[in-house]
Amino acid sequence: MKTFALAAVVVAIVPWLLPQYIAFELAYAGAYAIAILGLVILTGRNGQISLGHGAFMAVGGYTVAIAATRGGWPPEAALLLAAVLCAFLGGIVGVVALRLSGAYLALATFALAVSVAPLLKRFKEVTGGSQGITLATAHAPGALAGVLASERWLYYETWLVAGVLFAASWFALQGRLGRALRALRDNEIAAVSFGINPVIYKTLAFAWSAAYAGIAGALIANATAYVSPDSYALQLSITLLIGAVLGGLGSMWGAIAGGVIVEFLPLWAQTINPAASSLIYGISLIVVMIAMPGGIAGGIQRVARTLSRPRGGSQPERT
């Protein structure tokens, strides 16, 4: 709890110490962290691979866009609708995934990521086709509008949602649910022998993870005030997986590191050399993986254990 309290204090003061545009970029990083947290739960804790979480982000983003522009829904209600819809779709994918594992599951979810953009363009009466949908610019509600600029409001909204989801995930994974997911990941046969139903828990993991991806997509759509099929191409799903691996699949805090990497590393690469930003980005990823094979969170934990280990000194004299 002390860690969560300290994190909350840091999140609260950060946007006042940085320029507004950095706070705006951190809002995106928080949304990506939520989606990556879903992958940490699904892949890191349950062992199921997904290359299609960008599709769930697309569903979340378009749900908010359609509900807000055509139904007049407030963003908060549309956010819940996106979570429920993505959880339902994730559960369906989870049922299909029960018969698949390893590379076969990766290919199946890969097909999901590839197909989402063409589908969004196909049903242009609903999705706006290639032109996408433009939303109203987000502003702080009521009296907060005079205190918080739009960028800082989006930052606080995103990280408040992220804080709730991270806390809920932490408490859930400490109990029977977390133990069941890890048992199925490590040895499914042994887990079944102890009464763990893989159909229930694997499907739940996919639905849980998809709901988080949908919430992330909804938050990004609200921040960008625009959605289009090209925003949810295959590259998005690959980027989420890269963020999860670099942040650390074995740690929830790795999702935050992954979100920051996904948002800021490409921007940093462009400032060094715009003509070779992809090359710099790729080299940076390789260096991080070589230096910290367990991800950034795993590397920090390893350093912390090394520093906390008592150093060997001279043996006390025997009397």
C-alpha atoms as a PDB file:
ATOM      1  CA  MET A   1       0.000   0.000   0.000  1.00  0.00           C
ATOM      2  CA  LYS A   2       2.882   2.372   0.689  1.00  0.00           C
ATOM      3  CA  THR A   3       4.085   1.862  -2.872  1.00  0.00           C
ATOM      4  CA  PHE A   4       0.663   2.751  -4.280  1.00  0.00           C
ATOM      5  CA  ALA A   5       0.456   5.828  -2.032  1.00  0.00           C
ATOM      6  CA  LEU A   6       3.888   7.012  -3.130  1.00  0.00           C
ATOM      7  CA  ALA A   7       2.991   6.414  -6.780  1.00  0.00           C
ATOM      8  CA  ALA A   8      -0.222   8.425  -6.338  1.00  0.00           C
ATOM      9  CA  VAL A   9       1.702  11.376  -4.890  1.00  0.00           C
ATOM     10  CA  VAL A  10       4.199  11.300  -7.760  1.00  0.00           C
ATOM     11  CA  VAL A  11       1.431  11.112 -10.367  1.00  0.00           C
ATOM     12  CA  ALA A  12      -0.390  14.041  -8.732  1.00  0.00           C
ATOM     13  CA  ILE A  13       2.561  16.458  -8.792  1.00  0.00           C
ATOM     14  CA  VAL A  14       4.263  15.479 -12.062  1.00  0.00           C
ATOM     15  CA  PRO A  15       2.073  17.551 -14.473  1.00  0.00           C
ATOM     16  CA  TRP A  16       2.812  20.723 -12.500  1.00  0.00           C
ATOM     17  CA  LEU A  17       6.545  20.192 -12.782  1.00  0.00           C
ATOM     18  CA  LEU A  18       6.564  19.623 -16.549  1.00  0.00           C
ATOM     19  CA  PRO A  19       5.298  21.551 -19.585  1.00  0.00           C
ATOM     20  CA  GLN A  20       1.702  20.917 -20.587  1.00  0.00           C
ATOM     21  CA  TYR A  21       2.645  19.108 -23.778  1.00  0.00           C
ATOM     22  CA  ILE A  22       4.715  16.603 -21.769  1.00  0.00           C
ATOM     23  CA  ALA A  23       1.715  16.023 -19.500  1.00  0.00           C
ATOM     24  CA  PHE A  24      -0.317  15.370 -22.642  1.00  0.00           C
ATOM     25  CA  GLU A  25       2.239  12.804 -23.840  1.00  0.00           C
ATOM     26  CA  LEU A  26       2.167  11.189 -20.390  1.00  0.00           C
ATOM     27  CA  ALA A  27      -1.598  10.774 -20.784  1.00  0.00           C
ATOM     28  CA  TYR A  28      -0.907   8.624 -23.830  1.00  0.00           C
ATOM     29  CA  ALA A  29       1.752   6.728 -21.871  1.00  0.00           C
ATOM     30  CA  GLY A  30      -0.807   5.990 -19.151  1.00  0.00           C
ATOM     31  CA  ALA A  31      -3.286   4.646 -21.697  1.00  0.00           C
ATOM     32  CA  TYR A  32      -0.639   2.416 -23.242  1.00  0.00           C
ATOM     33  CA  ALA A  33       0.305   1.224 -19.748  1.00  0.00           C
ATOM     34  CA  ILE A  34      -3.285   0.052 -19.222  1.00  0.00           C
ATOM     35  CA  ALA A  35      -3.251  -1.936 -22.466  1.00  0.00           C
ATOM     36  CA  ILE A  36       0.154  -3.400 -21.625  1.00  0.00           C
ATOM     37  CA  LEU A  37      -1.094  -4.336 -18.156  1.00  0.00           C
ATOM     38  CA  GLY A  38      -3.677  -6.468 -19.928  1.00  0.00           C
ATOM     39  CA  LEU A  39      -0.873  -8.250 -21.770  1.00  0.00           C
ATOM     40  CA  VAL A  40       1.047  -8.725 -18.526  1.00  0.00           C
ATOM     41  CA  ILE A  41      -2.012 -10.471 -17.082  1.00  0.00           C
ATOM     42  CA  LEU A  42      -2.712 -12.534 -20.194  1.00  0.00           C
ATOM     43  CA  THR A  43       0.820 -13.451 -21.264  1.00  0.00           C
ATOM     44  CA  GLY A  44       2.972 -12.893 -18.197  1.00  0.00           C
ATOM     45  CA  ARG A  45       0.597 -14.427 -15.651  1.00  0.00           C
ATOM     46  CA  ASN A  46      -1.407 -16.866 -17.762  1.00  0.00           C
ATOM     47  CA  GLY A  47       1.007 -17.751 -20.573  1.00  0.00           C
ATOM     48  CA  GLN A  48      -1.329 -16.978 -23.493  1.00  0.00           C
ATOM     49  CA  ILE A  49       0.255 -15.038 -26.358  1.00  0.00           C
ATOM     50  CA  SER A  50      -1.669 -12.294 -28.147  1.00  0.00           C
ATOM     51  CA  LEU A  51      -0.620 -10.320 -31.196  1.00  0.00           C
ATOM     52  CA  GLY A  52      -4.064  -8.815 -31.642  1.00  0.00           C
ATOM     53  CA  HIS A  53      -4.665  -6.440 -28.753  1.00  0.00           C
ATOM     54  CA  GLY A  54      -4.633  -3.494 -31.118  1.00  0.00           C
ATOM     55  CA  ALA A  55      -7.970  -4.806 -32.393  1.00  0.00           C
ATOM     56  CA  PHE A  56      -9.501  -4.485 -28.925  1.00  0.00           C
ATOM     57  CA  MET A  57      -8.115  -0.957 -28.669  1.00  0.00           C
ATOM     58  CA  ALA A  58      -9.852  -0.221 -31.976  1.00  0.00           C
ATOM     59  CA  VAL A  59     -13.157  -1.525 -30.611  1.00  0.00           C
ATOM     60  CA  GLY A  60     -12.749   0.624 -27.505  1.00  0.00           C
ATOM     61  CA  GLY A  61     -11.843   3.733 -29.473  1.00  0.00           C
ATOM     62  CA  TYR A  62     -14.680   3.396 -31.972  1.00  0.00           C
ATOM     63  CA  THR A  63     -17.170   2.572 -29.223  1.00  0.00           C
ATOM     64  CA  VAL A  64     -16.435   5.886 -27.525  1.00  0.00           C
ATOM     65  CA  ALA A  65     -16.440   7.771 -30.841  1.00  0.00           C
ATOM     66  CA  ILE A  66     -19.768   6.373 -32.030  1.00  0.00           C
ATOM     67  CA  ALA A  67     -21.445   6.609 -28.629  1.00  0.00           C
ATOM     68  CA  ALA A  68     -20.299  10.219 -28.120  1.00  0.00           C
ATOM     69  CA  THR A  69     -20.973  11.585 -31.613  1.00  0.00           C
ATOM     70  CA  ARG A  70     -24.160   9.721 -32.489  1.00  0.00           C
ATOM     71  CA  GLY A  71     -25.610   8.764 -29.144  1.00  0.00           C
ATOM     72  CA  GLY A  72     -24.631  11.803 -27.098  1.00  0.00           C
ATOM     73  CA  TRP A  73     -23.058   9.645 -24.403  1.00  0.00           C
ATOM     74  CA  PRO A  74     -20.708  11.253 -21.885  1.00  0.00           C
ATOM     75  CA  PRO A  75     -17.121   9.956 -22.195  1.00  0.00           C
ATOM     76  CA  GLU A  76     -17.192   8.232 -18.791  1.00  0.00           C
ATOM     77  CA  ALA A  77     -20.268   6.161 -19.661  1.00  0.00           C
ATOM     78  CA  ALA A  78     -18.845   5.372 -23.091  1.00  0.00           C
ATOM     79  CA  LEU A  79     -15.646   4.220 -21.380  1.00  0.00           C
ATOM     80  CA  LEU A  80     -17.591   1.644 -19.373  1.00  0.00           C
ATOM     81  CA  LEU A  81     -19.447   0.554 -22.494  1.00  0.00           C
ATOM     82  CA  ALA A  82     -16.123   0.041 -24.295  1.00  0.00           C
ATOM     83  CA  ALA A  83     -14.815  -2.068 -21.410  1.00  0.00           C
ATOM     84  CA  VAL A  84     -17.911  -4.291 -21.342  1.00  0.00           C
ATOM     85  CA  LEU A  85     -18.007  -4.747 -25.117  1.00  0.00           C
ATOM     86  CA  CYS A  86     -14.290  -5.584 -25.329  1.00  0.00           C
ATOM     87  CA  ALA A  87     -14.577  -7.992 -22.408  1.00  0.00           C
ATOM     88  CA  PHE A  88     -17.377  -9.794 -24.250  1.00  0.00           C
ATOM     89  CA  LEU A  89     -15.381  -9.983 -27.482  1.00  0.00           C
ATOM     90  CA  GLY A  90     -12.279 -11.022 -25.562  1.00  0.00           C
ATOM     91  CA  GLY A  91     -14.241 -13.817 -23.952  1.00  0.00           C
ATOM     92  CA  ILE A  92     -15.261 -15.085 -27.390  1.00  0.00           C
ATOM     93  CA  VAL A  93     -11.644 -15.000 -28.551  1.00  0.00           C
ATOM     94  CA  GLY A  94     -10.658 -16.727 -25.317  1.00  0.00           C
ATOM     95  CA  VAL A  95     -13.047 -19.598 -25.990  1.00  0.00           C
ATOM     96  CA  VAL A  96     -11.562 -20.032 -29.466  1.00  0.00           C
ATOM     97  CA  ALA A  97      -8.048 -19.796 -28.000  1.00  0.00           C
ATOM     98  CA  LEU A  98      -8.702 -22.785 -25.724  1.00  0.00           C
ATOM     99  CA  ARG A  99      -7.868 -25.089 -28.623  1.00  0.00           C
ATOM    100  CA  LEU A 100      -4.713 -23.184 -29.545  1.00  0.00           C
ATOM    101  CA  SER A 101      -1.379 -22.498 -27.900  1.00  0.00           C
ATOM    102  CA  GLY A 102       2.055 -21.156 -28.688  1.00  0.00           C
ATOM    103  CA  ALA A 103       2.655 -20.151 -32.296  1.00  0.00           C
ATOM    104  CA  TYR A 104      -0.856 -21.208 -33.360  1.00  0.00           C
ATOM    105  CA  LEU A 105      -2.456 -18.862 -30.857  1.00  0.00           C
ATOM    106  CA  ALA A 106      -0.083 -16.075 -31.894  1.00  0.00           C
ATOM    107  CA  LEU A 107      -1.048 -16.539 -35.554  1.00  0.00           C
ATOM    108  CA  ALA A 108      -4.753 -16.552 -34.737  1.00  0.00           C
ATOM    109  CA  THR A 109      -4.531 -13.278 -32.822  1.00  0.00           C
ATOM    110  CA  PHE A 110      -2.238 -11.932 -35.545  1.00  0.00           C
ATOM    111  CA  ALA A 111      -5.078 -12.452 -38.019  1.00  0.00           C
ATOM    112  CA  LEU A 112      -7.354 -10.495 -35.675  1.00  0.00           C
ATOM    113  CA  ALA A 113      -4.963  -7.544 -35.733  1.00  0.00           C
ATOM    114  CA  VAL A 114      -4.599  -7.642 -39.511  1.00  0.00           C
ATOM    115  CA  SER A 115      -8.338  -7.769 -40.192  1.00  0.00           C
ATOM    116  CA  VAL A 116      -9.533  -4.922 -37.974  1.00  0.00           C
ATOM    117  CA  ALA A 117      -8.502  -1.980 -40.205  1.00  0.00           C
ATOM    118  CA  PRO A 118     -10.120  -3.376 -43.396  1.00  0.00           C
ATOM    119  CA  LEU A 119     -13.311  -4.127 -41.449  1.00  0.00           C
ATOM    120  CA  LEU A 120     -13.468  -0.572 -40.131  1.00  0.00           C
ATOM    121  CA  LYS A 121     -13.098   0.762 -43.667  1.00  0.00           C
ATOM    122  CA  ARG A 122     -15.707  -1.651 -45.006  1.00  0.00           C
ATOM    123  CA  PHE A 123     -18.592  -0.505 -42.774  1.00  0.00           C
ATOM    124  CA  LYS A 124     -18.215   3.208 -43.453  1.00  0.00           C
ATOM    125  CA  GLU A 125     -21.866   3.978 -42.655  1.00  0.00           C
ATOM    126  CA  VAL A 126     -21.064   3.285 -39.005  1.00  0.00           C
ATOM    127  CA  THR A 127     -17.319   3.888 -38.710  1.00  0.00           C
ATOM    128  CA  GLY A 128     -16.859   6.720 -41.182  1.00  0.00           C
ATOM    129  CA  GLY A 129     -14.663   4.583 -43.400  1.00  0.00           C
ATOM    130  CA  SER A 130     -11.172   5.839 -44.183  1.00  0.00           C
ATOM    131  CA  GLN A 131     -12.128   9.345 -43.001  1.00  0.00           C
ATOM    132  CA  GLY A 132     -12.702   8.157 -39.449  1.00  0.00           C
ATOM    133  CA  ILE A 133     -14.717  10.015 -36.794  1.00  0.00           C
ATOM    134  CA  THR A 134     -13.890  13.366 -35.190  1.00  0.00           C
ATOM    135  CA  LEU A 135     -14.805  13.867 -31.539  1.00  0.00           C
ATOM    136  CA  ALA A 136     -15.220  17.017 -29.478  1.00  0.00           C
ATOM    137  CA  THR A 137     -12.091  18.189 -27.682  1.00  0.00           C
ATOM    138  CA  ALA A 138     -12.034  16.966 -24.090  1.00  0.00           C
ATOM    139  CA  HIS A 139     -12.211  19.557 -21.316  1.00  0.00           C
ATOM    140  CA  ALA A 140     -12.305  19.363 -17.535  1.00  0.00           C
ATOM    141  CA  PRO A 141     -15.874  19.279 -16.184  1.00  0.00           C
ATOM    142  CA  GLY A 142     -17.482  22.113 -14.251  1.00  0.00           C
ATOM    143  CA  ALA A 143     -15.328  24.320 -12.080  1.00  0.00           C
ATOM    144  CA  LEU A 144     -12.218  22.243 -12.848  1.00  0.00           C
ATOM    145  CA  ALA A 145     -12.176  23.755 -16.351  1.00  0.00           C
ATOM    146  CA  GLY A 146     -10.893  27.017 -14.890  1.00  0.00           C
ATOM    147  CA  VAL A 147      -8.099  25.250 -13.015  1.00  0.00           C
ATOM    148  CA  LEU A 148      -6.958  22.460 -15.301  1.00  0.00           C
ATOM    149  CA  ALA A 149      -6.018  22.947 -18.925  1.00  0.00           C
ATOM    150  CA  SER A 150      -7.216  20.287 -21.349  1.00  0.00           C
ATOM    151  CA  GLU A 151      -3.806  18.573 -21.403  1.00  0.00           C
ATOM    152  CA  ARG A 152      -3.577  18.279 -17.615  1.00  0.00           C
ATOM    153  CA  TRP A 153      -7.191  17.146 -17.348  1.00  0.00           C
ATOM    154  CA  LEU A 154      -6.560  14.333 -19.812  1.00  0.00           C
ATOM    155  CA  TYR A 155      -3.448  13.395 -17.848  1.00  0.00           C
ATOM    156  CA  TYR A 156      -5.324  13.159 -14.551  1.00  0.00           C
ATOM    157  CA  GLU A 157      -8.289  11.351 -16.100  1.00  0.00           C
ATOM    158  CA  THR A 158      -6.053   8.733 -17.719  1.00  0.00           C
ATOM    159  CA  TRP A 159      -3.862   8.114 -14.708  1.00  0.00           C
ATOM    160  CA  LEU A 160      -6.833   8.024 -12.328  1.00  0.00           C
ATOM    161  CA  VAL A 161      -8.339   5.234 -14.419  1.00  0.00           C
ATOM    162  CA  ALA A 162      -4.924   3.560 -14.620  1.00  0.00           C
ATOM    163  CA  GLY A 163      -4.500   3.755 -10.844  1.00  0.00           C
ATOM    164  CA  VAL A 164      -7.872   2.121 -10.212  1.00  0.00           C
ATOM    165  CA  LEU A 165      -7.153  -0.656 -12.716  1.00  0.00           C
ATOM    166  CA  PHE A 166      -3.647  -1.301 -11.401  1.00  0.00           C
ATOM    167  CA  ALA A 167      -4.880  -1.468  -7.803  1.00  0.00           C
ATOM    168  CA  ALA A 168      -7.771  -3.770  -8.727  1.00  0.00           C
ATOM    169  CA  SER A 169      -5.420  -6.031 -10.693  1.00  0.00           C
ATOM    170  CA  TRP A 170      -2.910  -6.188  -7.868  1.00  0.00           C
ATOM    171  CA  PHE A 171      -5.526  -7.247  -5.312  1.00  0.00           C
ATOM    172  CA  ALA A 172      -7.077  -9.768  -7.720  1.00  0.00           C
ATOM    173  CA  LEU A 173      -3.754 -11.368  -8.592  1.00  0.00           C
ATOM    174  CA  GLN A 174      -2.793 -11.804  -4.937  1.00  0.00           C
ATOM    175  CA  GLY A 175      -5.618 -14.256  -4.331  1.00  0.00           C
ATOM    176  CA  ARG A 176      -6.947 -17.475  -5.794  1.00  0.00           C
ATOM    177  CA  LEU A 177      -7.405 -15.967  -9.234  1.00  0.00           C
ATOM    178  CA  GLY A 178      -3.745 -15.044  -9.546  1.00  0.00           C
ATOM    179  CA  ARG A 179      -2.598 -18.418  -8.261  1.00  0.00           C
ATOM    180  CA  ALA A 180      -4.879 -20.213 -10.726  1.00  0.00           C
ATOM    181  CA  LEU A 181      -3.582 -18.188 -13.682  1.00  0.00           C
ATOM    182  CA  ARG A 182       0.042 -18.868 -12.727  1.00  0.00           C
ATOM    183  CA  ALA A 183      -0.650 -22.565 -12.193  1.00  0.00           C
ATOM    184  CA  LEU A 184      -2.161 -22.887 -15.667  1.00  0.00           C
ATOM    185  CA  ARG A 185       0.818 -21.060 -17.112  1.00  0.00           C
ATOM    186  CA  ASP A 186       3.405 -23.259 -15.393  1.00  0.00           C
ATOM    187  CA  ASN A 187       1.761 -26.689 -15.695  1.00  0.00           C
ATOM    188  CA  GLU A 188      -1.797 -26.990 -16.954  1.00  0.00           C
ATOM    189  CA  ILE A 189      -2.068 -30.727 -16.259  1.00  0.00           C
ATOM    190  CA  ALA A 190      -1.044 -30.287 -12.630  1.00  0.00           C
ATOM    191  CA  ALA A 191      -3.395 -27.305 -12.285  1.00  0.00           C
ATOM    192  CA  VAL A 192      -6.343 -29.336 -13.558  1.00  0.00           C
ATOM    193  CA  SER A 193      -5.519 -32.107 -11.110  1.00  0.00           C
ATOM    194  CA  PHE A 194      -5.910 -29.553  -8.284  1.00  0.00           C
ATOM    195  CA  GLY A 195      -9.384 -28.588  -9.479  1.00  0.00           C
ATOM    196  CA  ILE A 196      -8.578 -25.513 -11.566  1.00  0.00           C
ATOM    197  CA  ASN A 197     -10.873 -25.234 -14.596  1.00  0.00           C
ATOM    198  CA  PRO A 198      -8.800 -24.014 -17.562  1.00  0.00           C
ATOM    199  CA  VAL A 199     -11.902 -23.094 -19.591  1.00  0.00           C
ATOM    200  CA  ILE A 200     -13.064 -20.602 -16.984  1.00  0.00           C
ATOM    201  CA  TYR A 201      -9.724 -19.066 -16.075  1.00  0.00           C
ATOM    202  CA  LYS A 202      -8.219 -18.859 -19.576  1.00  0.00           C
ATOM    203  CA  THR A 203     -11.385 -17.294 -20.969  1.00  0.00           C
ATOM    204  CA  LEU A 204     -11.513 -14.894 -18.033  1.00  0.00           C
ATOM    205  CA  ALA A 205      -7.890 -13.879 -18.619  1.00  0.00           C
ATOM    206  CA  PHE A 206      -8.607 -13.046 -22.256  1.00  0.00           C
ATOM    207  CA  ALA A 207     -11.762 -11.100 -21.392  1.00  0.00           C
ATOM    208  CA  TRP A 208      -9.957  -9.232 -18.591  1.00  0.00           C
ATOM    209  CA  SER A 209      -7.046  -8.341 -20.838  1.00  0.00           C
ATOM    210  CA  ALA A 210      -9.304  -7.284 -23.722  1.00  0.00           C
ATOM    211  CA  ALA A 211     -11.332  -5.025 -21.415  1.00  0.00           C
ATOM    212  CA  TYR A 212      -8.144  -3.208 -20.411  1.00  0.00           C
ATOM    213  CA  ALA A 213      -7.142  -2.811 -24.065  1.00  0.00           C
ATOM    214  CA  GLY A 214     -10.598  -1.409 -24.837  1.00  0.00           C
ATOM    215  CA  ILE A 215     -10.337   1.103 -21.999  1.00  0.00           C
ATOM    216  CA  ALA A 216      -6.916   2.157 -23.282  1.00  0.00           C
ATOM    217  CA  GLY A 217      -8.285   2.608 -26.798  1.00  0.00           C
ATOM    218  CA  ALA A 218     -11.182   4.668 -25.454  1.00  0.00           C
ATOM    219  CA  LEU A 219      -8.866   6.952 -23.475  1.00  0.00           C
ATOM    220  CA  ILE A 220      -6.587   7.508 -26.467  1.00  0.00           C
ATOM    221  CA  ALA A 221      -9.576   8.262 -28.706  1.00  0.00           C
ATOM    222  CA  ASN A 222     -10.828  10.797 -26.183  1.00  0.00           C
ATOM    223  CA  ALA A 223      -7.394  12.424 -25.944  1.00  0.00           C
ATOM    224  CA  THR A 224      -6.801  12.499 -29.698  1.00  0.00           C
ATOM    225  CA  ALA A 225     -10.418  13.547 -30.437  1.00  0.00           C
ATOM    226  CA  TYR A 226     -10.210  11.439 -33.578  1.00  0.00           C
ATOM    227  CA  VAL A 227     -10.296   7.791 -34.635  1.00  0.00           C
ATOM    228  CA  SER A 228      -9.456   6.246 -37.994  1.00  0.00           C
ATOM    229  CA  PRO A 229      -8.713   2.703 -39.228  1.00  0.00           C
ATOM    230  CA  ASP A 230      -5.065   3.543 -39.917  1.00  0.00           C
ATOM    231  CA  SER A 231      -4.533   4.238 -36.198  1.00  0.00           C
ATOM    232  CA  TYR A 232      -5.181   0.556 -35.440  1.00  0.00           C
ATOM    233  CA  ALA A 233      -2.966  -1.156 -37.969  1.00  0.00           C
ATOM    234  CA  LEU A 234      -0.886  -4.233 -37.157  1.00  0.00           C
ATOM    235  CA  GLN A 235       1.951  -2.037 -35.897  1.00  0.00           C
ATOM    236  CA  LEU A 236      -0.097  -1.081 -32.842  1.00  0.00           C
ATOM    237  CA  SER A 237      -0.424  -4.684 -31.649  1.00  0.00           C
ATOM    238  CA  ILE A 238       3.285  -5.286 -32.199  1.00  0.00           C
ATOM    239  CA  THR A 239       4.105  -2.092 -30.309  1.00  0.00           C
ATOM    240  CA  LEU A 240       2.036  -3.190 -27.314  1.00  0.00           C
ATOM    241  CA  LEU A 241       3.839  -6.530 -27.178  1.00  0.00           C
ATOM    242  CA  ILE A 242       7.205  -4.768 -27.440  1.00  0.00           C
ATOM    243  CA  GLY A 243       6.236  -2.513 -24.554  1.00  0.00           C
ATOM    244  CA  ALA A 244       5.175  -5.482 -22.449  1.00  0.00           C
ATOM    245  CA  VAL A 245       8.418  -7.378 -23.068  1.00  0.00           C
ATOM    246  CA  LEU A 246      10.673  -4.361 -22.522  1.00  0.00           C
ATOM    247  CA  GLY A 247       8.816  -3.255 -19.415  1.00  0.00           C
ATOM    248  CA  GLY A 248       8.804  -6.756 -17.979  1.00  0.00           C
ATOM    249  CA  LEU A 249       6.122  -9.408 -18.394  1.00  0.00           C
ATOM    250  CA  GLY A 250       6.704 -10.645 -14.869  1.00  0.00           C
ATOM    251  CA  SER A 251       5.778  -7.398 -13.113  1.00  0.00           C
ATOM    252  CA  MET A 252       2.750  -5.145 -13.083  1.00  0.00           C
ATOM    253  CA  TRP A 253       5.021  -2.135 -12.680  1.00  0.00           C
ATOM    254  CA  GLY A 254       6.668  -3.175 -15.925  1.00  0.00           C
ATOM    255  CA  ALA A 255       3.469  -2.110 -17.693  1.00  0.00           C
ATOM    256  CA  ILE A 256       4.111   1.498 -16.641  1.00  0.00           C
ATOM    257  CA  ALA A 257       7.682   1.325 -17.907  1.00  0.00           C
ATOM    258  CA  GLY A 258       6.402  -0.239 -21.128  1.00  0.00           C
ATOM    259  CA  GLY A 259       3.850   2.532 -21.612  1.00  0.00           C
ATOM    260  CA  VAL A 260       6.499   5.200 -21.189  1.00  0.00           C
ATOM    261  CA  ILE A 261       8.808   3.395 -23.641  1.00  0.00           C
ATOM    262  CA  VAL A 262       6.086   2.971 -26.260  1.00  0.00           C
ATOM    263  CA  GLU A 263       5.228   6.674 -26.130  1.00  0.00           C
ATOM    264  CA  PHE A 264       8.591   8.375 -25.677  1.00  0.00           C
ATOM    265  CA  LEU A 265      11.226   6.136 -27.277  1.00  0.00           C
ATOM    266  CA  PRO A 266      10.053   6.801 -30.882  1.00  0.00           C
ATOM    267  CA  LEU A 267       9.908  10.540 -30.127  1.00  0.00           C
ATOM    268  CA  TRP A 268      13.431  10.437 -28.712  1.00  0.00           C
ATOM    269  CA  ALA A 269      14.677   8.526 -31.761  1.00  0.00           C
ATOM    270  CA  GLN A 270      13.231  11.202 -34.070  1.00  0.00           C
ATOM    271  CA  THR A 271      15.014  13.987 -32.218  1.00  0.00           C
ATOM    272  CA  ILE A 272      18.367  12.263 -32.702  1.00  0.00           C
ATOM    273  CA  ASN A 273      17.992  11.583 -36.424  1.00  0.00           C
ATOM    274  CA  PRO A 274      14.604  11.943 -38.146  1.00  0.00           C
ATOM    275  CA  ALA A 275      15.911  10.162 -41.231  1.00  0.00           C
ATOM    276  CA  ALA A 276      16.984   7.089 -39.267  1.00  0.00           C
ATOM    277  CA  SER A 277      14.495   7.098 -36.391  1.00  0.00           C
ATOM    278  CA  SER A 278      13.394   3.504 -37.080  1.00  0.00           C
ATOM    279  CA  LEU A 279      16.995   2.317 -37.005  1.00  0.00           C
ATOM    280  CA  ILE A 280      17.714   4.106 -33.717  1.00  0.00           C
ATOM    281  CA  TYR A 281      14.470   2.766 -32.271  1.00  0.00           C
ATOM    282  CA  GLY A 282      15.366  -0.810 -33.230  1.00  0.00           C
ATOM    283  CA  ILE A 283      18.911  -0.546 -31.870  1.00  0.00           C
ATOM    284  CA  SER A 284      17.588   0.860 -28.597  1.00  0.00           C
ATOM    285  CA  LEU A 285      15.220  -2.088 -28.235  1.00  0.00           C
ATOM    286  CA  ILE A 286      18.041  -4.571 -28.863  1.00  0.00           C
ATOM    287  CA  VAL A 287      20.307  -2.866 -26.323  1.00  0.00           C
ATOM    288  CA  VAL A 288      17.600  -2.887 -23.652  1.00  0.00           C
ATOM    289  CA  MET A 289      16.848  -6.568 -24.218  1.00  0.00           C
ATOM    290  CA  ILE A 290      20.530  -7.532 -24.043  1.00  0.00           C
ATOM    291  CA  ALA A 291      21.180  -5.469 -20.919  1.00  0.00           C
ATOM    292  CA  MET A 292      17.909  -6.429 -19.179  1.00  0.00           C
ATOM    293  CA  PRO A 293      16.487  -9.703 -20.546  1.00  0.00           C
ATOM    294  CA  GLY A 294      13.797  -9.655 -17.847  1.00  0.00           C
ATOM    295  CA  GLY A 295      12.661  -6.196 -18.892  1.00  0.00           C
ATOM    296  CA  ILE A 296      13.180  -2.902 -17.113  1.00  0.00           C
ATOM    297  CA  ALA A 297      11.153  -3.968 -14.067  1.00  0.00           C
ATOM    298  CA  GLY A 298      13.135  -7.204 -13.820  1.00  0.00           C
ATOM    299  CA  GLY A 299      16.406  -5.308 -14.141  1.00  0.00           C
ATOM    300  CA  ILE A 300      15.441  -2.885 -11.367  1.00  0.00           C
ATOM    301  CA  GLN A 301      14.437  -5.766  -9.096  1.00  0.00           C
ATOM    302  CA  ARG A 302      17.754  -7.511  -9.761  1.00  0.00           C
ATOM    303  CA  VAL A 303      19.721  -4.380  -8.916  1.00  0.00           C
ATOM    304  CA  ALA A 304      17.646  -3.834  -5.773  1.00  0.00           C
ATOM    305  CA  ARG A 305      18.294  -7.396  -4.595  1.00  0.00           C
ATOM    306  CA  THR A 306      22.013  -6.969  -5.244  1.00  0.00           C
ATOM    307  CA  LEU A 307      22.174  -3.721  -3.258  1.00  0.00           C
ATOM    308  CA  SER A 308      20.132  -5.135  -0.363  1.00  0.00           C
ATOM    309  CA  ARG A 309      22.268  -8.271  -0.108  1.00  0.00           C
ATOM    310  CA  PRO A 310      24.530  -8.099   2.958  1.00  0.00           C
ATOM    311  CA  ARG A 311      28.148  -7.734   2.031  1.00  0.00           C
ATOM    312  CA  GLY A 312      30.610 -10.258   3.369  1.00  0.00           C
ATOM    313  CA  GLY A 313      32.871  -8.807   6.010  1.00  0.00           C
ATOM    314  CA  SER A 314      35.458 -10.106   8.395  1.00  0.00           C
ATOM    315  CA  GLN A 315      34.304 -12.927  10.576  1.00  0.00           C
ATOM    316  CA  PRO A 316      33.983 -12.060  14.255  1.00  0.00           C
ATOM    317  CA  GLU A 317      36.683 -13.440  16.451  1.00  0.00           C
ATOM    318  CA  ARG A 318      35.759 -16.501  18.455  1.00  0.00           C
ATOM    319  CA  THR A 319      36.245 -16.371  22.184  1.00  0.00           C
END
